[in-house]
Amino acid sequence: MSVFILGLLRRVTRSDLTAYRFGGVALAIVLLVPRTGPPWQIAFHRFVEVSIGIGVALMLSVVWPEREAGDVPGA
């Protein structure tokens, strides 16, 4: 049901298929990892995990930037 709702959201926001795939992976991670403990602690841990992921992604985008099609040697 969640994947169906995710597909509807993709259609409404007119996102591309790649966004749908990443959303599906993120949804699977959130739903399949069992968590026990107080809700505030689970929410805090999720916030920290996502913040670390965003930070690492930003650092990698600076260290290893994406190349444009014309920048590839030999193309």
Protein backbone atom coordinates (compact mmCIF):
# COMPACT_ATOMS: atom_id res chain seq x y z
CA MET A 1 0.00 0.00 0.00
CA SER A 2 2.84 2.39 0.84
CA VAL A 3 4.52 1.85 -2.53
CA PHE A 4 1.21 2.58 -4.25
CA ILE A 5 0.87 5.85 -2.31
CA LEU A 6 4.48 6.65 -3.18
CA GLY A 7 3.64 6.10 -6.87
CA LEU A 8 0.66 8.43 -6.59
CA LEU A 9 2.83 11.10 -4.98
CA ARG A 10 5.36 10.70 -7.79
CA ARG A 11 2.60 11.18 -10.34
CA VAL A 12 1.19 14.27 -8.59
CA THR A 13 4.61 15.92 -8.22
CA ARG A 14 5.59 14.87 -11.77
CA SER A 15 8.90 13.41 -10.55
CA ASP A 16 10.94 11.13 -12.74
CA LEU A 17 11.23 7.38 -12.28
CA THR A 18 14.59 7.67 -10.51
CA ALA A 19 12.95 9.58 -7.67
CA TYR A 20 10.37 6.80 -7.38
CA ARG A 21 13.12 4.18 -7.12
CA PHE A 22 15.01 6.10 -4.44
CA GLY A 23 11.75 6.66 -2.60
CA GLY A 24 11.03 2.93 -2.69
CA VAL A 25 14.46 2.12 -1.27
CA ALA A 26 14.05 4.70 1.49
CA LEU A 27 10.58 3.36 2.27
CA ALA A 28 11.91 -0.19 2.53
CA ILE A 29 14.65 0.91 4.92
CA VAL A 30 12.22 2.81 7.13
CA LEU A 31 9.59 0.07 7.24
CA LEU A 32 11.74 -3.06 7.42
CA VAL A 33 14.19 -2.10 10.16
CA PRO A 34 12.54 -2.97 13.48
CA ARG A 35 12.88 -0.38 16.21
CA THR A 36 12.11 -0.70 19.90
CA GLY A 37 12.09 2.01 22.49
CA PRO A 38 10.31 5.25 23.18
CA PRO A 39 8.93 7.01 20.07
CA TRP A 40 10.95 10.19 20.73
CA GLN A 41 14.18 8.17 20.80
CA ILE A 42 13.34 6.38 17.54
CA ALA A 43 12.51 9.72 15.90
CA PHE A 44 15.75 11.27 17.17
CA HIS A 45 17.83 8.35 15.89
CA ARG A 46 16.12 8.52 12.50
CA PHE A 47 16.84 12.28 12.37
CA VAL A 48 20.52 11.72 13.17
CA GLU A 49 20.81 8.91 10.60
CA VAL A 50 19.25 11.02 7.85
CA SER A 51 21.35 14.06 8.79
CA ILE A 52 24.55 12.03 8.60
CA GLY A 53 23.49 10.64 5.21
CA ILE A 54 22.79 14.13 3.87
CA GLY A 55 26.13 15.39 5.19
CA VAL A 56 28.05 12.54 3.58
CA ALA A 57 26.21 13.05 0.28
CA LEU A 58 27.03 16.77 0.28
CA MET A 59 30.70 16.11 1.05
CA LEU A 60 30.92 13.53 -1.75
CA SER A 61 29.27 15.90 -4.21
CA VAL A 62 32.00 18.46 -3.47
CA VAL A 63 34.87 15.96 -3.56
CA TRP A 64 33.55 13.99 -6.55
CA PRO A 65 31.39 16.33 -8.69
CA GLU A 66 29.17 14.99 -11.44
CA ARG A 67 30.51 15.61 -14.93
CA GLU A 68 28.50 17.02 -17.77
CA ALA A 69 28.23 15.02 -21.00
CA GLY A 70 30.75 17.31 -22.76
CA ASP A 71 33.32 17.01 -19.94
CA VAL A 72 34.00 13.30 -20.44
CA PRO A 73 37.41 12.73 -22.05
CA GLY A 74 37.24 10.88 -25.35
CA ALA A 75 33.54 11.65 -25.90
